[in-house]
Amino acid sequence: MRHRALLLALFLVPAFFGVVRIGDALTASDEVVCPGENVRGGEEHPGPMRPGDTECSVLNGSTTVGTRSYEQQRRVQSGERQRDAVDGTLLLVYGAGGALVVWSAARSRASRD
């Protein structure tokens, strides 16, 4: 019985993280935010990007690795939200499915005894 509880817990952990990832994807802001320095008209501007912004520096640490326009950054953020939703769904299905199998195996074994 003790091993079944541990196995059940090991399936519920990924299910929990799946729910968290799905929640993050669903509650993510639609605001387009530059991950580095947003340059508009030759000056740096903090905060969200505006339609028409063409130079958002993408940083890796403190090194600039490229620039993105408003539309490119919007697509990147949308893709990240979709990826979080898909990954979360897979984790939830895996964890819930495994927990269901362990639970049903424990019930059928208990009913035989």
Protein backbone atom coordinates (compact mmCIF):
# COMPACT_ATOMS: atom_id res chain seq x y z
CA MET A 1 0.00 0.00 0.00
CA ARG A 2 2.84 2.36 0.82
CA HIS A 3 4.42 1.92 -2.62
CA ARG A 4 1.14 2.66 -4.36
CA ALA A 5 0.83 5.94 -2.45
CA LEU A 6 4.35 6.91 -3.47
CA LEU A 7 3.66 5.97 -7.09
CA LEU A 8 0.42 7.95 -7.02
CA ALA A 9 2.28 10.99 -5.66
CA LEU A 10 4.91 10.66 -8.39
CA PHE A 11 2.16 10.93 -11.02
CA LEU A 12 0.37 13.78 -9.28
CA VAL A 13 3.48 16.01 -9.25
CA PRO A 14 3.66 16.34 -13.08
CA ALA A 15 -0.12 16.81 -13.16
CA PHE A 16 0.22 19.72 -10.72
CA PHE A 17 2.96 21.34 -12.81
CA GLY A 18 0.82 20.83 -15.90
CA VAL A 19 -2.02 22.75 -14.28
CA VAL A 20 0.42 25.53 -13.35
CA ARG A 21 1.76 25.76 -16.94
CA ILE A 22 -1.75 25.84 -18.38
CA GLY A 23 -2.71 28.55 -15.88
CA ASP A 24 0.35 30.60 -16.83
CA ALA A 25 -0.52 30.31 -20.52
CA LEU A 26 -4.15 31.29 -19.98
CA THR A 27 -3.40 34.26 -17.72
CA ALA A 28 -0.42 35.65 -19.68
CA SER A 29 -0.78 39.26 -20.68
CA ASP A 30 -1.38 40.15 -24.34
CA GLU A 31 0.90 43.15 -23.88
CA VAL A 32 3.96 42.96 -26.14
CA VAL A 33 7.05 43.43 -23.98
CA CYS A 34 10.59 43.79 -25.27
CA PRO A 35 12.95 41.35 -23.49
CA GLY A 36 15.82 43.82 -23.78
CA GLU A 37 16.02 47.48 -24.72
CA ASN A 38 13.14 49.00 -26.68
CA VAL A 39 14.52 51.76 -28.91
CA ARG A 40 11.98 54.16 -30.37
CA GLY A 41 13.16 57.23 -32.28
CA GLY A 42 16.77 56.75 -31.19
CA GLU A 43 15.92 56.68 -27.46
CA GLU A 44 15.40 53.77 -25.08
CA HIS A 45 11.84 53.41 -23.81
CA PRO A 46 10.89 51.22 -20.86
CA GLY A 47 7.64 49.31 -20.77
CA PRO A 48 5.61 47.62 -23.46
CA MET A 49 6.22 47.97 -27.17
CA ARG A 50 3.82 49.87 -29.41
CA PRO A 51 2.70 48.94 -32.91
CA GLY A 52 5.28 50.29 -35.32
CA ASP A 53 8.27 49.85 -32.98
CA THR A 54 11.05 48.34 -35.07
CA GLU A 55 14.04 47.93 -32.78
CA CYS A 56 13.81 45.75 -29.72
CA SER A 57 17.18 44.40 -28.64
CA VAL A 58 17.11 40.71 -27.73
CA LEU A 59 19.69 40.07 -25.03
CA ASN A 60 21.57 36.97 -23.93
CA GLY A 61 22.87 38.10 -20.57
CA SER A 62 24.25 41.54 -21.38
CA THR A 63 25.09 40.77 -25.02
CA THR A 64 22.75 41.77 -27.83
CA VAL A 65 22.04 38.78 -30.07
CA GLY A 66 19.52 40.42 -32.42
CA THR A 67 16.62 42.78 -32.81
CA ARG A 68 12.90 42.26 -33.30
CA SER A 69 10.08 44.42 -34.54
CA TYR A 70 6.75 44.75 -32.72
CA GLU A 71 5.13 42.08 -34.90
CA GLN A 72 8.03 39.66 -34.50
CA GLN A 73 7.99 40.03 -30.71
CA ARG A 74 4.20 39.59 -30.66
CA ARG A 75 4.55 36.32 -32.60
CA VAL A 76 7.33 35.10 -30.30
CA GLN A 77 5.24 35.78 -27.18
CA SER A 78 2.19 34.12 -28.75
CA GLY A 79 4.29 31.06 -29.59
CA GLU A 80 5.60 30.88 -26.02
CA ARG A 81 2.04 30.95 -24.65
CA GLN A 82 0.97 28.19 -27.06
CA ARG A 83 4.00 26.09 -26.15
CA ASP A 84 3.24 26.51 -22.43
CA ALA A 85 -0.37 25.43 -23.01
CA VAL A 86 0.65 22.34 -25.01
CA ASP A 87 3.38 21.33 -22.54
CA GLY A 88 1.03 21.85 -19.61
CA THR A 89 -1.67 19.78 -21.26
CA LEU A 90 0.77 16.93 -21.93
CA LEU A 91 1.99 16.98 -18.32
CA LEU A 92 -1.57 17.04 -17.01
CA VAL A 93 -2.69 14.15 -19.22
CA TYR A 94 0.39 12.09 -18.32
CA GLY A 95 0.07 12.73 -14.59
CA ALA A 96 -3.70 12.27 -14.41
CA GLY A 97 -3.59 9.15 -16.61
CA GLY A 98 -0.86 7.55 -14.52
CA ALA A 99 -2.61 8.44 -11.28
CA LEU A 100 -5.85 6.96 -12.62
CA VAL A 101 -4.12 3.70 -13.56
CA VAL A 102 -2.47 3.42 -10.11
CA TRP A 103 -5.73 4.27 -8.35
CA SER A 104 -7.79 1.78 -10.38
CA ALA A 105 -5.17 -0.96 -9.87
CA ALA A 106 -5.28 -0.35 -6.12
CA ARG A 107 -9.09 -0.48 -6.10
CA SER A 108 -9.28 -3.69 -8.12
CA ARG A 109 -6.68 -5.32 -5.88
CA ALA A 110 -8.56 -4.22 -2.75
CA SER A 111 -11.85 -5.59 -4.09
CA ARG A 112 -10.21 -8.99 -4.80
CA ASP A 113 -8.89 -9.21 -1.23
